Amino acid sequence: MNKSKVMRMFLDTSLLLLMLFSCFSSALSSSCQLRGQFNLNGMHKPGDVILGGIFRLHFFPAYPDLSFTSEPQQPTCFGFDVIGFRQAQTMAFAIDEINRNSNLLPNVTLGYSLYDNCIQLGIAFHAALALVSGQEEQVTLGKNCVGTPPVLGIVGDSSSTRTIAISTVLGLYRVPLVSFFFFFFVFQLTHYCDF
């Protein structure tokens, strides 16, 4: 036999063994497990249907020193943002008012999970992923790690740049992201420009 045939047989055998190993290992671990937990600032209210929110509640983060020998710690956020807090409280108030009126959504209780993004894209990504995959081990998904995300939809960031970046990731989970400020900007742009 020549070298190319021997090499091909070796690669085929290796690939077959790898596929068998992955099948058996996935059969042994029949449930999805969280790889880690994010320590995020947020407020939650349980319900039958959960709506998510990512708001700017602080102005800037302070990152701890990076040693590159261990997992980085969550940054500490400073500078309270009254406008972002008011927006988060408005969403919580609206959900509470909808729940109080039994004619709007009979036999359905809305809940919410609202997170602070601290004006950082990385923290906003953590919040978005926590919303679509769950923060606790109790989120049950199927054998292939597919299922209904814990949130039905997310009210996004006030920054269009962060909203667009987050929406590309949320599209993988088929979770809609609505940004109130981004649509206001588009409305203003179409109002003043002739197309």
Protein backbone atom coordinates (compact mmCIF):
# COMPACT_ATOMS: atom_id res chain seq x y z
CA MET A 1 0.00 0.00 0.00
CA ASN A 2 1.16 3.49 -0.68
CA LYS A 3 1.31 6.27 1.91
CA SER A 4 -1.80 8.09 0.71
CA LYS A 5 -4.04 5.02 1.12
CA VAL A 6 -2.67 4.33 4.60
CA MET A 7 -3.16 7.96 5.59
CA ARG A 8 -6.72 7.94 4.22
CA MET A 9 -7.61 4.76 6.15
CA PHE A 10 -6.14 6.27 9.31
CA LEU A 11 -8.17 9.46 8.90
CA ASP A 12 -11.37 7.53 8.13
CA THR A 13 -10.90 5.33 11.20
CA SER A 14 -10.14 8.34 13.40
CA LEU A 15 -13.21 10.18 12.16
CA LEU A 16 -15.41 7.13 12.77
CA LEU A 17 -14.10 6.75 16.32
CA LEU A 18 -14.62 10.45 17.00
CA MET A 19 -18.22 10.26 15.78
CA LEU A 20 -18.93 7.18 17.91
CA PHE A 21 -17.40 8.83 20.97
CA SER A 22 -19.47 11.98 20.50
CA CYS A 23 -22.68 9.94 20.10
CA PHE A 24 -22.04 7.94 23.27
CA SER A 25 -20.99 10.97 25.29
CA SER A 26 -24.09 12.92 24.25
CA ALA A 27 -26.27 9.93 25.11
CA LEU A 28 -24.75 9.77 28.59
CA SER A 29 -25.34 13.46 29.28
CA SER A 30 -29.03 13.73 28.49
CA SER A 31 -29.54 17.20 29.92
CA CYS A 32 -28.15 20.63 29.20
CA GLN A 33 -26.07 22.18 31.92
CA LEU A 34 -25.01 25.76 32.38
CA ARG A 35 -21.27 26.26 31.92
CA GLY A 36 -21.22 29.22 34.28
CA GLN A 37 -23.35 31.87 35.89
CA PHE A 38 -23.22 35.58 35.27
CA ASN A 39 -23.38 37.87 38.28
CA LEU A 40 -25.62 40.55 36.83
CA ASN A 41 -27.49 43.42 38.45
CA GLY A 42 -31.17 42.97 37.80
CA MET A 43 -34.68 42.63 39.09
CA HIS A 44 -37.11 39.81 38.40
CA LYS A 45 -40.75 38.97 38.78
CA PRO A 46 -42.06 35.47 38.05
CA GLY A 47 -44.90 34.87 35.63
CA ASP A 48 -46.36 32.53 33.02
CA VAL A 49 -44.74 34.58 30.26
CA ILE A 50 -41.47 36.41 30.95
CA LEU A 51 -40.37 39.55 29.12
CA GLY A 52 -36.73 40.58 29.28
CA GLY A 53 -35.16 44.00 29.40
CA ILE A 54 -31.64 45.40 29.12
CA PHE A 55 -31.31 48.94 30.44
CA ARG A 56 -28.55 51.40 31.24
CA LEU A 57 -28.71 51.83 35.00
CA HIS A 58 -25.08 52.88 35.55
CA PHE A 59 -22.72 55.14 33.61
CA PHE A 60 -19.44 53.26 33.66
CA PRO A 61 -17.78 50.09 34.92
CA ALA A 62 -14.55 49.63 36.87
CA TYR A 63 -12.80 46.46 35.84
CA PRO A 64 -10.65 44.61 38.37
CA ASP A 65 -7.01 43.94 37.52
CA LEU A 66 -6.66 41.14 35.00
CA SER A 67 -4.16 38.50 36.06
CA PHE A 68 -4.77 36.23 33.04
CA THR A 69 -4.36 33.24 35.36
CA SER A 70 -8.00 32.95 36.39
CA GLU A 71 -11.43 33.82 35.08
CA PRO A 72 -11.96 37.60 35.09
CA GLN A 73 -14.29 39.01 37.70
CA GLN A 74 -17.44 40.91 36.89
CA PRO A 75 -16.82 44.67 36.74
CA THR A 76 -18.32 46.96 39.35
CA CYS A 77 -20.69 49.56 37.91
CA PHE A 78 -20.73 53.19 39.09
CA GLY A 79 -22.67 56.37 38.34
CA PHE A 80 -26.41 55.82 38.71
CA ASP A 81 -28.40 56.73 35.57
CA VAL A 82 -31.82 58.09 36.54
CA ILE A 83 -33.20 57.99 32.98
CA GLY A 84 -32.30 54.32 32.49
CA PHE A 85 -33.73 53.47 35.90
CA ARG A 86 -36.94 55.29 35.01
CA GLN A 87 -37.18 53.30 31.75
CA ALA A 88 -36.74 49.99 33.62
CA GLN A 89 -39.31 51.03 36.22
CA THR A 90 -41.72 52.02 33.43
CA MET A 91 -41.50 48.53 31.94
CA ALA A 92 -42.04 46.91 35.36
CA PHE A 93 -44.99 49.24 36.06
CA ALA A 94 -46.58 48.51 32.66
CA ILE A 95 -46.32 44.75 33.26
CA ASP A 96 -47.85 45.14 36.73
CA GLU A 97 -50.73 47.18 35.29
CA ILE A 98 -51.38 44.58 32.59
CA ASN A 99 -51.46 41.86 35.27
CA ARG A 100 -53.94 43.87 37.37
CA ASN A 101 -56.44 44.09 34.50
CA SER A 102 -57.82 40.58 34.01
CA ASN A 103 -59.56 41.63 30.77
CA LEU A 104 -56.27 42.23 28.92
CA LEU A 105 -54.64 38.81 29.32
CA PRO A 106 -57.08 36.44 31.01
CA ASN A 107 -55.45 33.50 32.82
CA VAL A 108 -51.95 34.71 31.90
CA THR A 109 -49.52 36.43 34.26
CA LEU A 110 -46.65 38.43 32.81
CA GLY A 111 -43.30 38.47 34.52
CA TYR A 112 -40.03 40.22 33.80
CA SER A 113 -36.28 39.92 34.06
CA LEU A 114 -34.56 43.29 33.77
CA TYR A 115 -30.78 43.70 33.70
CA ASP A 116 -28.29 46.56 33.89
CA ASN A 117 -25.84 46.72 30.97
CA CYS A 118 -23.54 49.31 32.60
CA ILE A 119 -23.02 50.82 29.11
CA GLN A 120 -20.76 47.91 28.15
CA LEU A 121 -21.38 45.61 25.21
CA GLY A 122 -19.84 42.64 27.04
CA ILE A 123 -22.20 43.03 29.99
CA ALA A 124 -25.14 43.50 27.60
CA PHE A 125 -24.17 40.23 25.86
CA HIS A 126 -24.04 38.46 29.24
CA ALA A 127 -27.49 39.83 30.07
CA ALA A 128 -28.95 38.82 26.70
CA LEU A 129 -27.53 35.31 26.97
CA ALA A 130 -28.79 35.00 30.55
CA LEU A 131 -32.25 35.99 29.33
CA VAL A 132 -32.41 33.45 26.49
CA SER A 133 -30.68 30.54 28.21
CA GLY A 134 -31.69 31.03 31.81
CA GLN A 135 -29.70 31.87 34.92
CA GLU A 136 -30.59 28.81 36.96
CA GLU A 137 -30.14 25.07 36.53
CA GLN A 138 -33.92 24.61 36.61
CA VAL A 139 -34.36 25.66 32.97
CA THR A 140 -35.30 22.40 31.26
CA LEU A 141 -34.49 21.87 27.63
CA GLY A 142 -34.72 18.81 25.41
CA LYS A 143 -32.03 16.21 24.86
CA ASN A 144 -30.50 18.28 22.06
CA CYS A 145 -30.43 21.43 24.19
CA VAL A 146 -33.32 22.95 22.30
CA GLY A 147 -36.56 24.24 23.69
CA THR A 148 -38.50 27.35 24.50
CA PRO A 149 -36.28 30.16 25.83
CA PRO A 150 -37.19 31.49 29.28
CA VAL A 151 -38.16 34.88 27.78
CA LEU A 152 -40.66 35.61 25.04
CA GLY A 153 -38.99 38.84 23.91
CA ILE A 154 -36.50 41.46 25.04
CA VAL A 155 -36.72 45.24 25.24
CA GLY A 156 -33.23 46.20 24.19
CA ASP A 157 -30.56 48.68 24.85
CA SER A 158 -30.96 52.40 24.22
CA SER A 159 -27.84 52.38 22.03
CA SER A 160 -28.44 51.32 18.44
CA THR A 161 -24.88 49.99 18.15
CA ARG A 162 -25.27 47.65 21.11
CA THR A 163 -28.80 46.70 20.05
CA ILE A 164 -27.69 45.65 16.57
CA ALA A 165 -24.80 43.62 18.02
CA ILE A 166 -27.05 41.90 20.56
CA SER A 167 -29.77 41.21 17.98
CA THR A 168 -27.37 39.19 15.84
CA VAL A 169 -26.80 36.80 18.75
CA LEU A 170 -30.47 36.70 19.78
CA GLY A 171 -31.43 35.82 16.21
CA LEU A 172 -29.81 32.43 16.78
CA TYR A 173 -32.33 31.80 19.57
CA ARG A 174 -35.26 33.24 17.59
CA VAL A 175 -35.97 35.76 20.35
CA PRO A 176 -37.15 39.19 19.18
CA LEU A 177 -35.36 42.30 20.42
CA VAL A 178 -37.13 45.66 20.40
CA SER A 179 -35.18 48.85 20.97
CA PHE A 180 -37.28 51.90 21.76
CA PHE A 181 -34.53 54.43 21.09
CA PHE A 182 -33.37 52.89 17.81
CA PHE A 183 -36.85 53.10 16.28
CA PHE A 184 -37.18 56.70 17.44
CA PHE A 185 -33.92 57.46 15.60
CA VAL A 186 -35.19 55.75 12.42
CA PHE A 187 -38.44 57.70 12.66
CA GLN A 188 -36.55 60.98 13.03
CA LEU A 189 -34.30 60.09 10.11
CA THR A 190 -37.20 59.26 7.79
CA HIS A 191 -39.10 62.35 8.94
CA TYR A 192 -36.30 64.76 8.01
CA CYS A 193 -34.88 63.02 4.93
CA ASP A 194 -36.54 62.70 1.55
CA PHE A 195 -36.20 59.20 0.12
